Amino acid sequence: MFGRIASRYDFFNRFLSLGQDIRWRKHLVQAAICENPAIILDLATGTGDVLQALHYASIPYGGMAWGVDFSQPMLEQAKKKGLSNLCLANVMELPCRDHSVDVITIAFGLRNLDDRKKFFLEALRVLKDTGKLLILEFSQPVRLLAPFYFFYLNQILPRFANLLGADTEAYRYLSESISQFPNKLELNQELSEAGFERISVRSYCFGGVAFHEAYPPGRVTAAG
């Protein structure tokens, strides 16, 4: 499915989010580089939007950002943007040494994983004690707006996608995966149960998008 939509993925993200995805990703990148990390992993990197921004932001201080994805067609689109630090791999079985990564980012990819706990444990394995995990993902909006939000996702979005020549089934999957995904507080709880600490969340679009920040155990001690 991701291979089928790879060539027009960026266009539909911009159109269907009314360009807001650019702002959300900018906040993610700012949080990722604020402590000048040496090694950043952008997981489920897709066409490389986040990776490209991380790459340019980390050049001044010599940091290195790598993108990991399981879809070769998506990575081919990333290569067209001039990106070369790409790895075809399963993000739940990362080809990284223990405690070797400063920051992990994952934008709109977490809900596509079939075992979030396994992913969180893998992230803890590769993150340094002073590292952090940043998650940008769709979430559940405030209750008052939920009916309108899901009507848009279930009825309007697939029809727009069809009119614009997109893969309708892919955008039906999008709405289904969002509706089945935990809300921001439930995801915070999952992170805590996996072993992360100092977990925080920021909401956008009346709760429809959430930005989570979480740290490995020992981060507080290492920081101060």
Protein backbone atom coordinates (compact mmCIF):
# COMPACT_ATOMS: atom_id res chain seq x y z
CA MET A 1 0.00 0.00 0.00
CA PHE A 2 2.77 2.46 0.89
CA GLY A 3 4.52 1.59 -2.34
CA ARG A 4 1.41 2.46 -4.34
CA ILE A 5 1.08 5.93 -2.83
CA ALA A 6 4.78 6.82 -2.55
CA SER A 7 5.02 9.02 -5.65
CA ARG A 8 2.23 11.39 -4.57
CA TYR A 9 2.52 10.98 -0.81
CA ASP A 10 3.93 14.45 -0.11
CA PHE A 11 1.38 16.23 -2.29
CA PHE A 12 -1.60 14.60 -0.57
CA ASN A 13 -0.14 15.25 2.89
CA ARG A 14 0.06 18.97 2.11
CA PHE A 15 -3.36 19.14 0.47
CA LEU A 16 -5.31 17.09 2.99
CA SER A 17 -3.75 18.74 6.05
CA LEU A 18 -4.08 22.22 4.50
CA GLY A 19 -0.33 22.58 4.85
CA GLN A 20 -0.37 22.14 8.64
CA ASP A 21 1.87 19.05 8.49
CA ILE A 22 4.81 21.37 7.70
CA ARG A 23 4.31 23.27 10.97
CA TRP A 24 3.92 20.08 13.01
CA ARG A 25 7.13 18.62 11.60
CA LYS A 26 8.99 21.88 12.25
CA HIS A 27 8.20 21.61 15.97
CA LEU A 28 9.40 18.01 15.94
CA VAL A 29 12.71 18.97 14.35
CA GLN A 30 13.26 21.86 16.75
CA ALA A 31 12.80 19.52 19.72
CA ALA A 32 15.11 16.94 18.16
CA ILE A 33 18.10 19.22 17.66
CA CYS A 34 17.81 21.48 20.71
CA GLU A 35 20.67 19.67 22.51
CA ASN A 36 22.90 19.20 19.44
CA PRO A 37 22.60 15.40 19.22
CA ALA A 38 25.36 13.50 17.40
CA ILE A 39 23.13 10.70 16.04
CA ILE A 40 19.43 11.04 15.17
CA LEU A 41 17.29 8.22 13.82
CA ASP A 42 14.13 9.17 11.94
CA LEU A 43 12.05 6.01 11.91
CA ALA A 44 9.29 5.25 9.40
CA THR A 45 10.99 8.06 7.51
CA GLY A 46 8.89 7.50 4.38
CA THR A 47 9.68 10.06 1.70
CA GLY A 48 12.13 11.80 4.01
CA ASP A 49 10.36 15.07 4.88
CA VAL A 50 11.45 14.97 8.52
CA LEU A 51 14.85 13.50 7.67
CA GLN A 52 15.58 16.29 5.20
CA ALA A 53 14.74 18.95 7.80
CA LEU A 54 16.84 17.15 10.42
CA HIS A 55 19.75 16.90 8.01
CA TYR A 56 19.85 20.62 7.26
CA ALA A 57 19.29 21.58 10.90
CA SER A 58 22.14 19.39 12.17
CA ILE A 59 24.77 20.40 9.58
CA PRO A 60 25.99 23.47 11.55
CA TYR A 61 27.07 21.43 14.57
CA GLY A 62 28.11 18.25 12.73
CA GLY A 63 25.26 15.95 13.75
CA MET A 64 24.19 12.99 11.64
CA ALA A 65 20.57 12.08 10.87
CA TRP A 66 19.60 8.68 9.43
CA GLY A 67 16.25 7.57 8.01
CA VAL A 68 14.87 4.05 8.42
CA ASP A 69 11.85 2.61 6.62
CA PHE A 70 10.59 -0.79 5.46
CA SER A 71 9.21 0.50 2.12
CA GLN A 72 11.72 0.66 -0.71
CA PRO A 73 9.43 2.83 -2.93
CA MET A 74 9.17 5.38 -0.12
CA LEU A 75 12.94 5.45 0.28
CA GLU A 76 13.31 5.94 -3.47
CA GLN A 77 11.25 9.12 -3.14
CA ALA A 78 13.53 10.24 -0.30
CA LYS A 79 16.57 9.69 -2.53
CA LYS A 80 15.06 12.05 -5.10
CA LYS A 81 15.33 14.79 -2.45
CA GLY A 82 19.07 14.23 -2.32
CA LEU A 83 19.00 12.14 0.86
CA SER A 84 21.53 9.33 1.17
CA ASN A 85 21.56 8.38 4.86
CA LEU A 86 18.79 5.83 4.36
CA CYS A 87 18.33 2.31 5.64
CA LEU A 88 15.79 -0.31 4.54
CA ALA A 89 14.91 -2.06 7.79
CA ASN A 90 12.21 -3.01 10.27
CA VAL A 91 12.00 -0.27 12.90
CA MET A 92 11.24 -2.89 15.55
CA GLU A 93 14.55 -4.66 14.83
CA LEU A 94 16.98 -1.80 14.33
CA PRO A 95 20.50 -2.51 13.03
CA CYS A 96 22.03 -0.40 15.82
CA ARG A 97 24.23 -1.07 18.83
CA ASP A 98 22.77 -0.74 22.30
CA HIS A 99 22.71 2.82 23.65
CA SER A 100 24.20 4.36 20.51
CA VAL A 101 21.53 6.90 19.46
CA ASP A 102 20.85 10.36 20.89
CA VAL A 103 17.37 11.04 19.49
CA ILE A 104 14.69 8.93 17.82
CA THR A 105 11.91 10.64 15.86
CA ILE A 106 8.87 8.99 14.32
CA ALA A 107 6.23 11.07 12.54
CA PHE A 108 2.87 9.56 11.59
CA GLY A 109 4.33 6.06 11.56
CA LEU A 110 3.67 4.69 15.03
CA ARG A 111 0.06 3.71 14.37
CA ASN A 112 1.23 1.51 11.47
CA LEU A 113 3.20 -0.77 13.81
CA ASP A 114 1.49 -3.94 14.99
CA ASP A 115 3.31 -4.10 18.33
CA ARG A 116 3.91 -0.71 19.95
CA LYS A 117 5.36 -2.18 23.14
CA LYS A 118 8.00 -4.06 21.15
CA PHE A 119 8.88 -0.84 19.36
CA PHE A 120 9.17 1.13 22.61
CA LEU A 121 11.49 -1.52 24.06
CA GLU A 122 13.60 -1.44 20.91
CA ALA A 123 13.81 2.34 21.15
CA LEU A 124 14.96 2.04 24.76
CA ARG A 125 17.60 -0.46 23.70
CA VAL A 126 19.25 1.80 21.14
CA LEU A 127 18.80 5.16 22.91
CA LYS A 128 21.57 6.50 25.10
CA ASP A 129 20.66 7.13 28.74
CA THR A 130 20.71 10.83 27.86
CA GLY A 131 18.61 10.33 24.72
CA LYS A 132 14.94 10.90 23.97
CA LEU A 133 12.06 9.62 21.86
CA LEU A 134 9.88 12.09 19.93
CA ILE A 135 6.55 10.94 18.47
CA LEU A 136 4.32 12.99 16.17
CA GLU A 137 1.09 11.17 15.48
CA PHE A 138 -2.63 11.51 14.83
CA SER A 139 -4.73 11.28 17.97
CA GLN A 140 -8.29 11.59 19.19
CA PRO A 141 -9.69 15.15 19.08
CA VAL A 142 -11.69 16.84 21.83
CA ARG A 143 -15.05 15.15 22.31
CA LEU A 144 -17.13 18.01 20.88
CA LEU A 145 -15.29 17.85 17.55
CA ALA A 146 -14.86 14.08 17.33
CA PRO A 147 -18.00 13.41 15.20
CA PHE A 148 -16.97 16.03 12.63
CA TYR A 149 -13.35 14.84 12.65
CA PHE A 150 -14.25 11.23 11.96
CA PHE A 151 -16.89 12.18 9.39
CA TYR A 152 -14.15 14.03 7.53
CA LEU A 153 -11.80 11.05 7.80
CA ASN A 154 -14.35 8.40 6.88
CA GLN A 155 -16.45 10.19 4.28
CA ILE A 156 -14.79 13.32 2.90
CA LEU A 157 -11.12 12.33 2.87
CA PRO A 158 -11.47 9.14 0.75
CA ARG A 159 -13.69 11.00 -1.75
CA PHE A 160 -11.20 13.84 -2.09
CA ALA A 161 -8.44 11.30 -2.54
CA ASN A 162 -10.42 9.54 -5.25
CA LEU A 163 -11.16 12.80 -7.10
CA LEU A 164 -7.46 13.64 -7.06
CA GLY A 165 -6.45 10.23 -8.35
CA ALA A 166 -5.11 8.84 -5.07
CA ASP A 167 -5.40 5.30 -3.76
CA THR A 168 -8.82 5.39 -2.07
CA GLU A 169 -8.17 2.26 -0.01
CA ALA A 170 -4.99 3.77 1.42
CA TYR A 171 -6.94 6.73 2.75
CA ARG A 172 -9.65 4.47 4.11
CA TYR A 173 -6.87 2.70 5.97
CA LEU A 174 -5.72 6.09 7.27
CA SER A 175 -9.11 6.83 8.84
CA GLU A 176 -9.42 3.32 10.28
CA SER A 177 -5.94 3.37 11.80
CA ILE A 178 -6.57 6.76 13.44
CA SER A 179 -9.92 5.72 14.91
CA GLN A 180 -8.32 2.60 16.44
CA PHE A 181 -5.28 4.43 17.81
CA PRO A 182 -5.14 5.34 21.54
CA ASN A 183 -5.66 8.90 22.66
CA LYS A 184 -2.74 10.97 23.94
CA LEU A 185 -3.15 10.00 27.59
CA GLU A 186 -3.43 6.30 26.76
CA LEU A 187 -0.29 6.50 24.63
CA ASN A 188 1.51 8.24 27.48
CA GLN A 189 0.52 5.32 29.70
CA GLU A 190 1.90 2.82 27.17
CA LEU A 191 5.19 4.71 27.10
CA SER A 192 5.36 4.68 30.89
CA GLU A 193 4.61 0.96 31.09
CA ALA A 194 7.41 0.30 28.58
CA GLY A 195 9.88 2.12 30.86
CA PHE A 196 10.02 5.70 29.59
CA GLU A 197 10.03 8.60 32.04
CA ARG A 198 9.40 12.36 31.99
CA ILE A 199 6.70 11.88 29.37
CA SER A 200 4.97 14.99 28.03
CA VAL A 201 2.52 15.69 25.23
CA ARG A 202 1.47 18.74 23.22
CA SER A 203 -1.69 18.83 21.12
CA TYR A 204 -2.44 20.42 17.74
CA CYS A 205 -5.66 20.71 15.74
CA PHE A 206 -7.90 20.51 18.82
CA GLY A 207 -6.30 17.21 19.81
CA GLY A 208 -6.33 15.64 16.36
CA VAL A 209 -2.52 15.54 16.33
CA ALA A 210 -0.28 14.90 19.34
CA PHE A 211 3.44 15.41 19.92
CA HIS A 212 4.90 13.15 22.62
CA GLU A 213 8.33 13.50 24.22
CA ALA A 214 9.72 10.69 26.40
CA TYR A 215 13.06 9.90 28.04
CA PRO A 216 14.81 6.66 29.03
CA PRO A 217 15.23 5.81 32.72
CA GLY A 218 18.23 7.63 34.17
CA ARG A 219 17.83 10.71 32.00
CA VAL A 220 17.17 12.91 35.05
CA THR A 221 20.34 11.67 36.79
CA ALA A 222 22.44 12.04 33.64
CA ALA A 223 21.18 15.55 33.07
CA GLY A 224 21.83 16.83 36.45
